[in-house]
N, C-alpha and C. Protein backbone atom coordinates (compact mmCIF):
# COMPACT_ATOMS: atom_id res chain seq x y z
N UNK A 1 -21.05 30.53 -30.52
CA UNK A 1 -22.61 30.01 -30.55
C UNK A 1 -22.52 28.85 -29.48
N UNK A 2 -23.57 28.79 -28.63
CA UNK A 2 -23.57 27.71 -27.63
C UNK A 2 -24.62 26.66 -28.14
N UNK A 3 -24.47 25.50 -27.45
CA UNK A 3 -25.47 24.38 -27.70
C UNK A 3 -26.89 25.02 -27.18
N UNK A 4 -27.94 24.38 -27.64
CA UNK A 4 -29.19 24.81 -27.23
C UNK A 4 -29.45 24.31 -25.94
N UNK A 5 -29.83 25.28 -25.09
CA UNK A 5 -30.25 25.09 -23.65
C UNK A 5 -31.69 24.58 -23.64
N UNK A 6 -32.21 24.38 -22.29
CA UNK A 6 -33.51 23.86 -22.01
C UNK A 6 -34.70 24.68 -22.56
N UNK A 7 -34.63 26.00 -22.52
CA UNK A 7 -35.64 26.79 -23.07
C UNK A 7 -35.77 26.69 -24.58
N UNK A 8 -34.62 26.72 -25.27
CA UNK A 8 -34.60 26.41 -26.68
C UNK A 8 -35.11 25.07 -27.08
N UNK A 9 -34.64 24.07 -26.30
CA UNK A 9 -35.05 22.70 -26.71
C UNK A 9 -36.70 22.63 -26.51
N UNK A 10 -37.19 23.19 -25.41
CA UNK A 10 -38.57 23.17 -25.28
C UNK A 10 -39.25 23.91 -26.39
N UNK A 11 -38.75 24.92 -26.89
CA UNK A 11 -39.30 25.61 -28.21
C UNK A 11 -39.28 24.76 -29.25
N UNK A 12 -38.38 23.79 -29.50
CA UNK A 12 -38.08 22.93 -30.60
C UNK A 12 -38.77 21.52 -30.43
N UNK A 13 -39.47 21.40 -29.38
CA UNK A 13 -40.21 20.10 -29.02
C UNK A 13 -40.85 19.56 -30.08
N UNK A 14 -41.78 20.36 -30.94
CA UNK A 14 -42.51 19.70 -31.92
C UNK A 14 -41.51 19.01 -33.19
N UNK A 15 -40.44 19.79 -33.32
CA UNK A 15 -39.59 19.40 -34.39
C UNK A 15 -38.73 18.15 -33.88
N UNK A 16 -38.41 18.22 -32.59
CA UNK A 16 -37.64 17.05 -31.99
C UNK A 16 -38.64 15.88 -32.03
N UNK A 17 -39.83 15.90 -31.67
CA UNK A 17 -40.71 14.75 -31.85
C UNK A 17 -40.71 14.10 -33.15
N UNK A 18 -40.64 14.92 -34.15
CA UNK A 18 -40.63 14.52 -35.60
C UNK A 18 -39.25 13.80 -35.76
N UNK A 19 -38.25 14.26 -35.29
CA UNK A 19 -36.89 13.65 -35.52
C UNK A 19 -36.85 12.39 -34.80
N UNK A 20 -37.33 12.35 -33.60
CA UNK A 20 -37.31 11.14 -32.69
C UNK A 20 -38.17 9.93 -33.53
N UNK A 21 -38.99 10.03 -34.37
CA UNK A 21 -39.56 9.08 -35.14
C UNK A 21 -38.66 8.22 -35.93
N UNK A 22 -37.45 8.63 -36.31
CA UNK A 22 -36.46 7.85 -37.02
C UNK A 22 -35.82 6.95 -36.19
N UNK A 23 -35.99 5.56 -36.35
CA UNK A 23 -35.46 4.52 -35.58
C UNK A 23 -33.91 4.49 -35.91
N UNK A 24 -33.34 4.92 -36.78
CA UNK A 24 -32.02 4.93 -36.90
C UNK A 24 -31.20 5.92 -36.20
N UNK A 25 -31.94 6.90 -35.46
CA UNK A 25 -31.36 7.93 -34.60
C UNK A 25 -31.60 7.53 -33.22
N UNK A 26 -30.44 7.99 -32.46
CA UNK A 26 -30.54 7.79 -30.90
C UNK A 26 -30.22 9.19 -30.46
N UNK A 27 -31.19 9.63 -29.40
CA UNK A 27 -30.98 10.85 -28.86
C UNK A 27 -30.32 10.69 -27.56
N UNK A 28 -29.00 10.83 -27.59
CA UNK A 28 -28.22 10.64 -26.25
C UNK A 28 -28.43 11.58 -25.16
N UNK A 29 -28.53 12.96 -25.70
CA UNK A 29 -28.81 13.91 -24.61
C UNK A 29 -29.83 14.78 -25.32
N UNK A 30 -30.74 15.50 -24.63
CA UNK A 30 -31.87 16.26 -25.23
C UNK A 30 -31.28 17.04 -26.42
N UNK A 31 -31.96 16.83 -27.71
CA UNK A 31 -31.67 17.60 -28.84
C UNK A 31 -30.34 17.15 -29.61
N UNK A 32 -29.63 16.12 -29.17
CA UNK A 32 -28.41 15.67 -29.81
C UNK A 32 -28.58 14.25 -30.25
N UNK A 33 -28.67 14.11 -31.53
CA UNK A 33 -28.97 12.70 -32.20
C UNK A 33 -27.68 12.21 -32.71
N UNK A 34 -27.62 10.83 -32.65
CA UNK A 34 -26.58 10.11 -33.14
C UNK A 34 -26.97 9.02 -34.11
N UNK A 35 -26.09 8.70 -34.99
CA UNK A 35 -26.44 7.57 -36.05
C UNK A 35 -25.22 6.80 -36.11
N UNK A 36 -25.47 5.49 -35.85
CA UNK A 36 -24.40 4.54 -35.73
C UNK A 36 -23.17 4.90 -34.87
N UNK A 37 -23.66 5.46 -33.69
CA UNK A 37 -22.62 5.83 -32.55
C UNK A 37 -21.89 7.20 -32.88
N UNK A 38 -22.25 7.93 -34.01
CA UNK A 38 -21.63 9.06 -34.26
C UNK A 38 -22.71 10.34 -34.26
N UNK A 39 -22.16 11.36 -33.69
CA UNK A 39 -22.96 12.53 -33.71
C UNK A 39 -23.34 12.86 -35.15
N UNK A 40 -24.82 13.23 -35.29
CA UNK A 40 -25.38 13.39 -36.58
C UNK A 40 -26.11 14.76 -36.59
N UNK A 41 -26.73 15.04 -35.72
CA UNK A 41 -27.66 16.38 -35.52
C UNK A 41 -27.64 16.87 -34.14
N UNK A 42 -27.38 18.16 -34.05
CA UNK A 42 -27.62 18.81 -32.73
C UNK A 42 -28.02 20.33 -33.02
N UNK A 43 -28.35 21.07 -31.99
CA UNK A 43 -28.82 22.39 -32.18
C UNK A 43 -28.02 23.32 -31.35
N UNK A 44 -28.00 24.66 -31.88
CA UNK A 44 -27.21 25.83 -31.23
C UNK A 44 -28.36 26.77 -31.08
N UNK A 45 -27.92 27.78 -30.05
CA UNK A 45 -28.79 28.96 -29.89
C UNK A 45 -27.80 30.17 -29.96
N UNK A 46 -28.18 31.18 -30.64
CA UNK A 46 -27.46 32.45 -30.83
C UNK A 46 -28.45 33.61 -30.94
N UNK A 47 -27.90 34.91 -30.73
CA UNK A 47 -28.87 35.93 -30.89
C UNK A 47 -29.32 35.97 -32.37
N UNK A 48 -28.79 35.52 -33.24
CA UNK A 48 -29.23 35.43 -34.69
C UNK A 48 -30.37 34.46 -34.81
N UNK A 49 -30.58 33.47 -33.91
CA UNK A 49 -31.59 32.42 -34.08
C UNK A 49 -31.16 31.14 -33.53
N UNK A 50 -31.81 30.03 -33.95
CA UNK A 50 -31.68 28.68 -33.72
C UNK A 50 -30.99 28.07 -34.88
N UNK A 51 -29.98 27.38 -34.66
CA UNK A 51 -29.28 26.59 -35.83
C UNK A 51 -29.24 25.18 -35.45
N UNK A 52 -29.34 24.29 -36.60
CA UNK A 52 -29.07 22.87 -36.65
C UNK A 52 -27.69 22.63 -37.20
N UNK A 53 -26.86 21.77 -36.57
CA UNK A 53 -25.80 21.16 -37.14
C UNK A 53 -26.00 19.85 -37.61
N UNK A 54 -25.90 19.53 -38.86
CA UNK A 54 -26.16 18.12 -39.38
C UNK A 54 -25.19 17.51 -40.28
N UNK A 55 -24.89 16.44 -40.32
CA UNK A 55 -23.81 15.80 -40.98
C UNK A 55 -24.35 15.28 -42.45
N UNK A 56 -24.75 16.19 -43.32
CA UNK A 56 -25.30 15.87 -44.69
C UNK A 56 -24.40 14.90 -45.45
N UNK A 57 -23.17 15.07 -45.31
CA UNK A 57 -22.42 14.10 -46.10
C UNK A 57 -21.79 12.93 -45.30
N UNK A 58 -22.28 12.86 -44.00
CA UNK A 58 -21.85 11.67 -43.11
C UNK A 58 -20.55 12.07 -42.38
N UNK A 59 -19.86 13.18 -42.83
CA UNK A 59 -18.51 13.19 -42.22
C UNK A 59 -18.39 14.56 -41.50
N UNK A 60 -18.79 15.75 -41.99
CA UNK A 60 -18.64 17.02 -41.40
C UNK A 60 -19.95 17.83 -41.27
N UNK A 61 -20.05 18.54 -40.30
CA UNK A 61 -21.37 19.28 -39.89
C UNK A 61 -21.66 20.38 -40.87
N UNK A 62 -22.81 20.47 -41.32
CA UNK A 62 -23.15 21.73 -42.09
C UNK A 62 -24.28 22.52 -41.07
N UNK A 63 -24.19 23.80 -41.06
CA UNK A 63 -25.02 24.55 -40.18
C UNK A 63 -26.13 25.23 -40.93
N UNK A 64 -27.43 24.96 -40.50
CA UNK A 64 -28.64 25.33 -41.10
C UNK A 64 -29.43 26.09 -40.16
N UNK A 65 -30.09 27.21 -40.57
CA UNK A 65 -30.94 27.96 -39.63
C UNK A 65 -32.23 27.01 -39.50
N UNK A 66 -32.77 27.04 -38.23
CA UNK A 66 -33.93 26.50 -37.85
C UNK A 66 -34.72 27.24 -36.77
N UNK A 67 -34.81 28.48 -37.20
CA UNK A 67 -35.59 29.39 -36.28
C UNK A 67 -37.12 29.36 -36.54
N UNK A 68 -37.40 29.62 -37.84
CA UNK A 68 -38.75 29.78 -38.18
C UNK A 68 -39.46 28.46 -38.43
N UNK A 69 -40.76 28.39 -38.44
CA UNK A 69 -41.49 27.26 -38.75
C UNK A 69 -41.12 26.72 -40.22
N UNK A 70 -40.99 27.74 -41.06
CA UNK A 70 -40.56 27.05 -42.43
C UNK A 70 -39.17 26.51 -42.48
N UNK A 71 -38.36 27.19 -41.80
CA UNK A 71 -36.87 26.69 -41.61
C UNK A 71 -36.92 25.17 -40.93
N UNK A 72 -37.83 25.16 -39.96
CA UNK A 72 -37.85 23.75 -39.35
C UNK A 72 -38.63 22.67 -40.12
N UNK A 73 -39.58 23.20 -41.02
CA UNK A 73 -40.18 22.17 -41.99
C UNK A 73 -39.16 21.64 -42.93
N UNK A 74 -38.30 22.67 -43.52
CA UNK A 74 -37.21 22.31 -44.26
C UNK A 74 -36.23 21.42 -43.79
N UNK A 75 -35.97 21.69 -42.44
CA UNK A 75 -34.93 20.78 -41.87
C UNK A 75 -35.34 19.34 -41.66
N UNK A 76 -36.71 19.29 -41.31
CA UNK A 76 -37.36 17.83 -41.14
C UNK A 76 -37.39 17.12 -42.40
N UNK A 77 -37.71 17.92 -43.41
CA UNK A 77 -37.85 17.18 -44.82
C UNK A 77 -36.40 16.77 -45.15
N UNK A 78 -35.30 17.72 -44.89
CA UNK A 78 -34.07 17.19 -45.21
C UNK A 78 -33.62 15.96 -44.40
N UNK A 79 -34.00 15.83 -43.15
CA UNK A 79 -33.62 14.74 -42.41
C UNK A 79 -34.32 13.44 -42.95
N UNK A 80 -35.55 13.69 -43.23
CA UNK A 80 -36.28 12.56 -43.78
C UNK A 80 -35.62 12.12 -45.02
N UNK A 81 -35.26 12.82 -46.10
CA UNK A 81 -34.63 12.48 -47.16
C UNK A 81 -33.29 11.92 -46.91
N UNK A 82 -32.48 12.47 -45.96
CA UNK A 82 -31.18 11.91 -45.91
C UNK A 82 -31.18 10.53 -45.31
N UNK A 83 -32.16 10.40 -44.34
CA UNK A 83 -32.24 9.02 -43.60
C UNK A 83 -32.74 8.06 -44.61
N UNK A 84 -33.75 8.37 -45.46
CA UNK A 84 -34.26 7.56 -46.45
C UNK A 84 -33.37 7.08 -47.47
N UNK A 85 -32.47 8.07 -47.97
CA UNK A 85 -31.27 7.65 -48.86
C UNK A 85 -30.24 6.77 -48.15
N UNK A 86 -30.04 7.11 -46.90
CA UNK A 86 -29.02 6.29 -46.15
C UNK A 86 -29.46 4.86 -45.96
N UNK A 87 -30.90 4.50 -45.62
CA UNK A 87 -31.37 3.31 -45.44
C UNK A 87 -31.27 2.53 -46.63
N UNK A 88 -31.32 3.15 -47.89
CA UNK A 88 -31.20 2.50 -49.22
C UNK A 88 -29.80 2.05 -49.51
N UNK A 89 -28.89 2.71 -49.07
CA UNK A 89 -27.53 2.41 -49.08
C UNK A 89 -27.01 1.39 -48.06
N UNK A 90 -27.74 1.31 -46.98
CA UNK A 90 -27.24 0.27 -45.95
C UNK A 90 -27.58 -1.22 -46.36
């Protein structure tokens, strides 16, 4: 599975805009987000669809489908929740 290329990232642009709202994330390269200087979220493309790798536990990546609008909405809700919980702990 390869990292998402320009065409896939263009397709994800509405989702990426929502992720960019979070001040605690830094987008070092298109579609690759870091938190506290460590990779936290990035995207892959595959014949089976688009996938997001996200560090839900802050340590290792979990892979989630992010192909359909519903999957993307679930991903942004998860990002929002994770970052809200992290800001309470910080």
